Amino acid sequence: MAGVDLKEKAPRAILFMCGMNSIRSPMAEVIAKQIVAPGIYIQSAGVRAGDRDPFVDAVLDEAGLTLGKHKPRTLDEIEDDFFDLIITLTPEAHHAALELTRSNALDVVYWPTMDPTVATGTREHILEAYRDVREHLTKLISERLPQRPKPFSETL
């Protein structure tokens, strides 16, 4: 789907996918729900189930966001499986999405996103890697997906 303007071809339902639905895709889901235009259904899933990552909670909290009661889930665990756009954040998820959608008229887009779990060092060094992922996803979502209208006071 390279070259397609997602702001012009506004999707009605978006699925963010990563390996285990514990870091990148749930972070993207929460961020997108704050930025993306109302009326667009947003979910996340992983190729396989992982464990909730406390560093994700920490960096989302810094931005005033929360995962709430999110539990990592796989595609099989999603009840509503009608999506017209899958945004994959890892190579593994991208290959799985392409395989899954071979016979469907469904757009799959790959947004390469680093794995913050490879960061080493102090807690602050590790948190910085997670912040980088948060900021990377915020930038991509803001630039590439239809956004909520700005309040009148922000347009002045």
C-alpha atoms as a PDB file:
ATOM      1  CA  MET A   1       0.000   0.000   0.000  1.00  0.00           C
ATOM      2  CA  ALA A   2       2.977   2.275  -0.430  1.00  0.00           C
ATOM      3  CA  GLY A   3       2.045   5.638  -1.842  1.00  0.00           C
ATOM      4  CA  VAL A   4      -1.574   5.577  -0.661  1.00  0.00           C
ATOM      5  CA  ASP A   5      -2.498   8.616   1.409  1.00  0.00           C
ATOM      6  CA  LEU A   6      -4.234   7.241   4.501  1.00  0.00           C
ATOM      7  CA  LYS A   7      -5.602  10.699   5.288  1.00  0.00           C
ATOM      8  CA  GLU A   8      -7.378  10.795   1.914  1.00  0.00           C
ATOM      9  CA  LYS A   9      -8.433   7.134   1.924  1.00  0.00           C
ATOM     10  CA  ALA A  10      -9.697   7.228   5.494  1.00  0.00           C
ATOM     11  CA  PRO A  11     -10.055   3.750   6.986  1.00  0.00           C
ATOM     12  CA  ARG A  12     -13.132   2.861   9.058  1.00  0.00           C
ATOM     13  CA  ALA A  13     -11.393   0.251  11.208  1.00  0.00           C
ATOM     14  CA  ILE A  14      -7.677  -0.028  11.984  1.00  0.00           C
ATOM     15  CA  LEU A  15      -5.792  -2.925  13.543  1.00  0.00           C
ATOM     16  CA  PHE A  16      -2.272  -2.337  14.872  1.00  0.00           C
ATOM     17  CA  MET A  17      -0.189  -5.535  14.985  1.00  0.00           C
ATOM     18  CA  CYS A  18       3.137  -6.464  16.558  1.00  0.00           C
ATOM     19  CA  GLY A  19       4.716  -9.666  17.835  1.00  0.00           C
ATOM     20  CA  MET A  20       3.078 -10.095  21.245  1.00  0.00           C
ATOM     21  CA  ASN A  21       0.651  -7.156  21.707  1.00  0.00           C
ATOM     22  CA  SER A  22       2.552  -6.106  24.790  1.00  0.00           C
ATOM     23  CA  ILE A  23       4.526  -3.021  23.697  1.00  0.00           C
ATOM     24  CA  ARG A  24       4.231  -1.480  20.238  1.00  0.00           C
ATOM     25  CA  SER A  25       0.710  -2.308  19.079  1.00  0.00           C
ATOM     26  CA  PRO A  26      -1.080  -1.496  22.362  1.00  0.00           C
ATOM     27  CA  MET A  27       0.921   1.729  22.596  1.00  0.00           C
ATOM     28  CA  ALA A  28      -0.141   2.610  19.033  1.00  0.00           C
ATOM     29  CA  GLU A  29      -3.774   1.755  19.840  1.00  0.00           C
ATOM     30  CA  VAL A  30      -3.887   4.074  22.866  1.00  0.00           C
ATOM     31  CA  ILE A  31      -2.125   6.915  21.048  1.00  0.00           C
ATOM     32  CA  ALA A  32      -4.313   6.564  17.954  1.00  0.00           C
ATOM     33  CA  LYS A  33      -7.499   6.676  20.011  1.00  0.00           C
ATOM     34  CA  GLN A  34      -6.402  10.131  21.201  1.00  0.00           C
ATOM     35  CA  ILE A  35      -5.325  11.467  17.795  1.00  0.00           C
ATOM     36  CA  VAL A  36      -7.373   9.770  15.070  1.00  0.00           C
ATOM     37  CA  ALA A  37     -10.656  11.201  13.836  1.00  0.00           C
ATOM     38  CA  PRO A  38     -13.783  10.059  15.689  1.00  0.00           C
ATOM     39  CA  GLY A  39     -15.718   7.194  14.171  1.00  0.00           C
ATOM     40  CA  ILE A  40     -12.644   5.131  13.284  1.00  0.00           C
ATOM     41  CA  TYR A  41     -12.588   1.825  15.171  1.00  0.00           C
ATOM     42  CA  ILE A  42      -9.117   1.011  16.542  1.00  0.00           C
ATOM     43  CA  GLN A  43      -7.787  -2.248  18.035  1.00  0.00           C
ATOM     44  CA  SER A  44      -4.468  -4.013  18.507  1.00  0.00           C
ATOM     45  CA  ALA A  45      -3.294  -7.612  18.507  1.00  0.00           C
ATOM     46  CA  GLY A  46      -0.165  -9.714  18.379  1.00  0.00           C
ATOM     47  CA  VAL A  47       0.944 -12.674  16.338  1.00  0.00           C
ATOM     48  CA  ARG A  48       1.179 -14.530  19.649  1.00  0.00           C
ATOM     49  CA  ALA A  49       0.281 -13.664  23.238  1.00  0.00           C
ATOM     50  CA  GLY A  50       2.813 -11.877  25.428  1.00  0.00           C
ATOM     51  CA  ASP A  51       2.851 -10.373  28.901  1.00  0.00           C
ATOM     52  CA  ARG A  52       1.932  -6.812  29.769  1.00  0.00           C
ATOM     53  CA  ASP A  53       5.075  -4.651  29.938  1.00  0.00           C
ATOM     54  CA  PRO A  54       5.287  -2.228  32.901  1.00  0.00           C
ATOM     55  CA  PHE A  55       7.591   0.130  30.979  1.00  0.00           C
ATOM     56  CA  VAL A  56       4.738   0.766  28.522  1.00  0.00           C
ATOM     57  CA  ASP A  57       2.503   1.808  31.408  1.00  0.00           C
ATOM     58  CA  ALA A  58       5.227   4.146  32.689  1.00  0.00           C
ATOM     59  CA  VAL A  59       5.847   5.994  29.410  1.00  0.00           C
ATOM     60  CA  LEU A  60       2.154   6.249  28.572  1.00  0.00           C
ATOM     61  CA  ASP A  61       1.487   7.652  32.037  1.00  0.00           C
ATOM     62  CA  GLU A  62       4.111  10.341  31.367  1.00  0.00           C
ATOM     63  CA  ALA A  63       2.023  11.413  28.368  1.00  0.00           C
ATOM     64  CA  GLY A  64      -1.258  11.316  30.304  1.00  0.00           C
ATOM     65  CA  LEU A  65      -2.356   8.060  28.643  1.00  0.00           C
ATOM     66  CA  THR A  66      -3.200   4.626  30.009  1.00  0.00           C
ATOM     67  CA  LEU A  67      -3.649   1.089  28.741  1.00  0.00           C
ATOM     68  CA  GLY A  68      -6.457   0.658  31.245  1.00  0.00           C
ATOM     69  CA  LYS A  69      -7.316  -3.020  31.600  1.00  0.00           C
ATOM     70  CA  HIS A  70      -5.498  -4.048  28.406  1.00  0.00           C
ATOM     71  CA  LYS A  71      -4.398  -7.669  28.292  1.00  0.00           C
ATOM     72  CA  PRO A  72      -2.162  -8.778  25.412  1.00  0.00           C
ATOM     73  CA  ARG A  73      -4.185 -10.713  22.842  1.00  0.00           C
ATOM     74  CA  THR A  74      -3.770 -12.515  19.561  1.00  0.00           C
ATOM     75  CA  LEU A  75      -5.760 -12.086  16.372  1.00  0.00           C
ATOM     76  CA  ASP A  76      -7.848 -15.112  17.319  1.00  0.00           C
ATOM     77  CA  GLU A  77      -8.982 -13.329  20.493  1.00  0.00           C
ATOM     78  CA  ILE A  78     -10.370 -10.256  18.741  1.00  0.00           C
ATOM     79  CA  GLU A  79     -14.154 -10.435  18.608  1.00  0.00           C
ATOM     80  CA  ASP A  80     -14.730  -7.914  15.816  1.00  0.00           C
ATOM     81  CA  ASP A  81     -12.425  -8.901  13.006  1.00  0.00           C
ATOM     82  CA  PHE A  82     -13.612  -6.477  10.329  1.00  0.00           C
ATOM     83  CA  PHE A  83     -10.745  -4.137   9.568  1.00  0.00           C
ATOM     84  CA  ASP A  84     -10.003  -2.307   6.357  1.00  0.00           C
ATOM     85  CA  LEU A  85      -6.455  -1.395   7.397  1.00  0.00           C
ATOM     86  CA  ILE A  86      -3.809  -3.356   9.284  1.00  0.00           C
ATOM     87  CA  ILE A  87      -0.743  -1.402  10.372  1.00  0.00           C
ATOM     88  CA  THR A  88       2.099  -3.741  11.249  1.00  0.00           C
ATOM     89  CA  LEU A  89       4.951  -2.603  13.467  1.00  0.00           C
ATOM     90  CA  THR A  90       7.299  -5.604  13.288  1.00  0.00           C
ATOM     91  CA  PRO A  91       8.504  -7.817  10.420  1.00  0.00           C
ATOM     92  CA  GLU A  92       6.887 -10.875  12.040  1.00  0.00           C
ATOM     93  CA  ALA A  93       3.517  -9.119  12.269  1.00  0.00           C
ATOM     94  CA  HIS A  94       3.828  -7.847   8.708  1.00  0.00           C
ATOM     95  CA  HIS A  95       4.408 -11.324   7.302  1.00  0.00           C
ATOM     96  CA  ALA A  96       1.521 -12.718   9.377  1.00  0.00           C
ATOM     97  CA  ALA A  97      -0.816  -9.946   8.195  1.00  0.00           C
ATOM     98  CA  LEU A  98       0.110 -10.479   4.543  1.00  0.00           C
ATOM     99  CA  GLU A  99      -0.526 -14.208   4.913  1.00  0.00           C
ATOM    100  CA  LEU A 100      -3.822 -13.560   6.687  1.00  0.00           C
ATOM    101  CA  THR A 101      -5.063 -11.114   4.056  1.00  0.00           C
ATOM    102  CA  ARG A 102      -3.962 -12.926   0.903  1.00  0.00           C
ATOM    103  CA  SER A 103      -7.544 -13.456  -0.223  1.00  0.00           C
ATOM    104  CA  ASN A 104      -9.039 -10.265   1.264  1.00  0.00           C
ATOM    105  CA  ALA A 105      -9.334  -6.745  -0.101  1.00  0.00           C
ATOM    106  CA  LEU A 106      -7.566  -5.345   2.907  1.00  0.00           C
ATOM    107  CA  ASP A 107      -4.749  -2.808   3.084  1.00  0.00           C
ATOM    108  CA  VAL A 108      -1.629  -3.767   5.040  1.00  0.00           C
ATOM    109  CA  VAL A 109       0.970  -1.105   5.835  1.00  0.00           C
ATOM    110  CA  TYR A 110       4.331  -1.660   7.520  1.00  0.00           C
ATOM    111  CA  TRP A 111       5.639   1.012   9.910  1.00  0.00           C
ATOM    112  CA  PRO A 112       9.028  -0.317  11.093  1.00  0.00           C
ATOM    113  CA  THR A 113       9.250   0.347  14.831  1.00  0.00           C
ATOM    114  CA  MET A 114      12.238  -0.462  17.017  1.00  0.00           C
ATOM    115  CA  ASP A 115      12.051  -3.020  19.798  1.00  0.00           C
ATOM    116  CA  PRO A 116      12.708  -1.146  23.061  1.00  0.00           C
ATOM    117  CA  THR A 117      13.392  -4.377  24.951  1.00  0.00           C
ATOM    118  CA  VAL A 118      16.863  -4.513  23.396  1.00  0.00           C
ATOM    119  CA  ALA A 119      17.861  -1.417  25.401  1.00  0.00           C
ATOM    120  CA  THR A 120      20.300  -2.030  28.219  1.00  0.00           C
ATOM    121  CA  GLY A 121      21.672   0.007  31.067  1.00  0.00           C
ATOM    122  CA  THR A 122      19.903   1.899  33.801  1.00  0.00           C
ATOM    123  CA  ARG A 123      16.154   2.078  34.229  1.00  0.00           C
ATOM    124  CA  GLU A 124      16.328   5.580  32.729  1.00  0.00           C
ATOM    125  CA  HIS A 125      18.148   4.270  29.618  1.00  0.00           C
ATOM    126  CA  ILE A 126      15.487   1.617  29.158  1.00  0.00           C
ATOM    127  CA  LEU A 127      12.664   4.117  29.671  1.00  0.00           C
ATOM    128  CA  GLU A 128      14.263   6.369  27.052  1.00  0.00           C
ATOM    129  CA  ALA A 129      14.007   3.548  24.487  1.00  0.00           C
ATOM    130  CA  TYR A 130      10.302   3.159  25.292  1.00  0.00           C
ATOM    131  CA  ARG A 131       9.819   6.943  25.044  1.00  0.00           C
ATOM    132  CA  ASP A 132      11.438   6.849  21.607  1.00  0.00           C
ATOM    133  CA  VAL A 133       8.879   4.247  20.501  1.00  0.00           C
ATOM    134  CA  ARG A 134       6.031   6.340  21.952  1.00  0.00           C
ATOM    135  CA  GLU A 135       7.233   9.453  20.115  1.00  0.00           C
ATOM    136  CA  HIS A 136       7.861   7.537  16.877  1.00  0.00           C
ATOM    137  CA  LEU A 137       4.321   6.126  16.909  1.00  0.00           C
ATOM    138  CA  THR A 138       2.800   9.488  17.830  1.00  0.00           C
ATOM    139  CA  LYS A 139       4.592  11.114  14.891  1.00  0.00           C
ATOM    140  CA  LEU A 140       3.523   8.434  12.387  1.00  0.00           C
ATOM    141  CA  ILE A 141      -0.089   8.415  13.558  1.00  0.00           C
ATOM    142  CA  SER A 142      -0.256  12.225  13.494  1.00  0.00           C
ATOM    143  CA  GLU A 143       1.276  12.476  10.028  1.00  0.00           C
ATOM    144  CA  ARG A 144      -0.377   9.539   8.284  1.00  0.00           C
ATOM    145  CA  LEU A 145      -3.879   9.038   9.691  1.00  0.00           C
ATOM    146  CA  PRO A 146      -6.951  11.302   9.680  1.00  0.00           C
ATOM    147  CA  GLN A 147      -6.947  13.395  12.849  1.00  0.00           C
ATOM    148  CA  ARG A 148      -9.560  14.706  15.226  1.00  0.00           C
ATOM    149  CA  PRO A 149     -10.610  18.256  14.433  1.00  0.00           C
ATOM    150  CA  LYS A 150      -8.730  20.759  16.573  1.00  0.00           C
ATOM    151  CA  PRO A 151     -10.784  22.727  19.101  1.00  0.00           C
ATOM    152  CA  PHE A 152     -11.657  26.205  17.851  1.00  0.00           C
ATOM    153  CA  SER A 153      -9.355  27.800  20.434  1.00  0.00           C
ATOM    154  CA  GLU A 154      -6.363  25.963  18.895  1.00  0.00           C
ATOM    155  CA  THR A 155      -7.143  27.213  15.386  1.00  0.00           C
ATOM    156  CA  LEU A 156      -6.777  30.897  16.309  1.00  0.00           C
END
